[in-house]
Protein backbone atom coordinates (compact mmCIF):
# COMPACT_ATOMS: atom_id res chain seq x y z
CA MET A 1 -15.40 0.16 13.21
CA ILE A 2 -11.66 -0.63 13.45
CA VAL A 3 -10.37 -2.82 10.27
CA VAL A 4 -7.21 -4.30 10.25
CA THR A 5 -4.97 -6.34 7.81
CA SER A 6 -3.00 -8.14 11.64
CA GLU A 7 -3.63 -10.12 13.79
CA TYR A 8 -4.28 -7.56 16.43
CA VAL A 9 -4.90 -4.30 17.04
CA ALA A 10 -2.24 -1.27 18.86
CA GLY A 11 -3.54 -0.82 22.25
CA TYR A 12 -6.58 -2.93 22.11
CA ARG A 13 -7.36 -6.70 22.91
CA VAL A 14 -9.67 -8.96 21.97
CA LYS A 15 -12.80 -9.42 24.37
CA GLU A 16 -14.67 -11.83 22.45
CA THR A 17 -14.66 -13.53 18.90
CA LYS A 18 -17.78 -13.06 17.03
CA GLY A 19 -17.02 -15.44 13.89
CA GLN A 20 -16.03 -14.56 10.10
CA ALA A 21 -17.64 -11.67 8.72
CA PHE A 22 -17.50 -10.77 5.00
CA GLY A 23 -19.16 -8.81 2.00
CA VAL A 24 -19.36 -9.62 -1.55
CA VAL A 25 -19.91 -7.47 -4.56
CA VAL A 26 -20.39 -8.54 -8.19
CA ARG A 27 -19.74 -5.77 -11.11
CA SER A 28 -19.50 -5.79 -14.72
CA ARG A 29 -18.42 -2.79 -16.74
CA GLY A 30 -20.80 -1.32 -19.65
CA LEU A 31 -20.50 -2.12 -23.24
CA GLY A 32 -19.10 1.56 -23.62
CA GLY A 33 -16.01 0.84 -20.61
CA ASN A 34 -15.67 -2.44 -22.14
CA ILE A 35 -15.00 -1.01 -25.34
CA MET A 36 -12.77 1.74 -23.95
CA ALA A 37 -10.91 -0.69 -22.00
CA GLY A 38 -10.11 -3.33 -25.44
CA LEU A 39 -8.85 -0.27 -27.10
CA ARG A 40 -6.62 0.74 -24.64
CA SER A 41 -5.19 -2.88 -24.09
CA LEU A 42 -4.29 -2.64 -27.72
CA ALA A 43 -1.40 0.11 -26.27
CA GLY A 44 -0.67 -1.63 -23.34
CA GLY A 45 -0.69 -0.13 -20.07
CA GLU A 46 -3.18 0.30 -16.99
CA ILE A 47 -6.68 0.10 -17.81
CA LYS A 48 -7.96 3.19 -15.91
CA GLU A 49 -11.92 2.02 -16.51
CA TYR A 50 -11.37 -1.38 -15.18
CA THR A 51 -9.11 -0.05 -12.33
CA GLU A 52 -11.82 2.25 -11.25
CA MET A 53 -14.31 -0.27 -11.46
CA LEU A 54 -12.11 -2.77 -8.94
CA GLU A 55 -11.32 0.17 -6.62
CA GLU A 56 -14.86 0.93 -6.13
CA ALA A 57 -15.85 -2.72 -5.66
CA ARG A 58 -13.54 -3.16 -3.01
CA ARG A 59 -14.52 -0.23 -1.48
CA HIS A 60 -18.37 -1.36 -1.49
CA ALA A 61 -17.22 -4.76 -0.52
CA VAL A 62 -15.26 -3.58 2.76
CA ASP A 63 -18.71 -1.24 3.23
CA ARG A 64 -20.42 -4.76 3.38
CA LEU A 65 -18.61 -6.07 5.53
CA VAL A 66 -18.56 -3.58 8.31
CA GLN A 67 -22.02 -3.96 7.98
CA ASN A 68 -22.04 -7.43 8.24
CA ALA A 69 -19.53 -7.69 11.36
CA THR A 70 -22.18 -4.47 13.39
CA ALA A 71 -25.06 -7.09 12.75
CA MET A 72 -22.72 -9.68 14.63
CA GLY A 73 -22.60 -7.24 17.59
CA ALA A 74 -19.00 -6.69 16.56
CA ASN A 75 -16.82 -3.45 16.65
CA GLY A 76 -13.60 -4.64 15.24
CA ILE A 77 -12.33 -6.47 11.94
CA VAL A 78 -8.69 -8.53 12.19
CA MET A 79 -6.87 -10.45 9.54
CA MET A 80 -9.15 -8.92 6.74
CA ARG A 81 -8.08 -9.89 3.12
CA PHE A 82 -9.73 -9.53 -0.46
CA ASP A 83 -10.38 -12.36 -2.82
CA SER A 84 -11.68 -11.48 -6.47
CA SER A 85 -12.53 -14.06 -9.20
CA GLU A 86 -13.93 -13.56 -12.84
CA ILE A 87 -17.61 -14.85 -13.43
CA GLY A 88 -17.85 -15.74 -17.03
CA GLN A 89 -15.92 -12.86 -18.94
CA THR A 90 -17.42 -9.95 -18.18
CA MET A 91 -18.22 -9.75 -14.89
CA SER A 92 -15.74 -9.43 -11.43
CA GLU A 93 -16.31 -10.75 -7.95
CA ILE A 94 -14.65 -8.78 -5.03
CA VAL A 95 -14.97 -10.35 -1.15
CA ALA A 96 -13.95 -8.81 1.50
CA TYR A 97 -13.41 -11.08 4.77
CA GLY A 98 -12.00 -11.02 7.92
CA THR A 99 -12.86 -11.94 11.52
CA ALA A 100 -15.14 -10.01 13.46
CA VAL A 101 -14.32 -9.34 17.33
CA VAL A 102 -15.11 -7.08 20.02
CA LEU A 103 -12.32 -5.10 21.12
CA GLU A 104 -11.96 -3.11 24.23
CA LYS A 105 -8.94 -0.46 25.20
CA ALA A 106 -5.65 -2.56 26.60
CA GLY A 107 -4.79 -1.77 30.29
């Protein structure tokens, strides 16, 4: 599956637009991770526990986006974007979304 943040894919043309596709993940750090992150925040700088959690959540959201687009009969996703928000004070929601399309080689 070709997934791009642009409107076009070099060397391909959009044959059919299937519609909006998305993948959602909600994650929470465990108590130990929250304590370590809290201690790290006192000193300032990057909080690696949260960075790793969000990187993994983005990968899972993209995997679910691809599954959703595949179920729609697409072989590509254009205009892919991420969105995130907090749920309460302990959870993060990550959404990967884009337009599911059928691509064919240009020419």
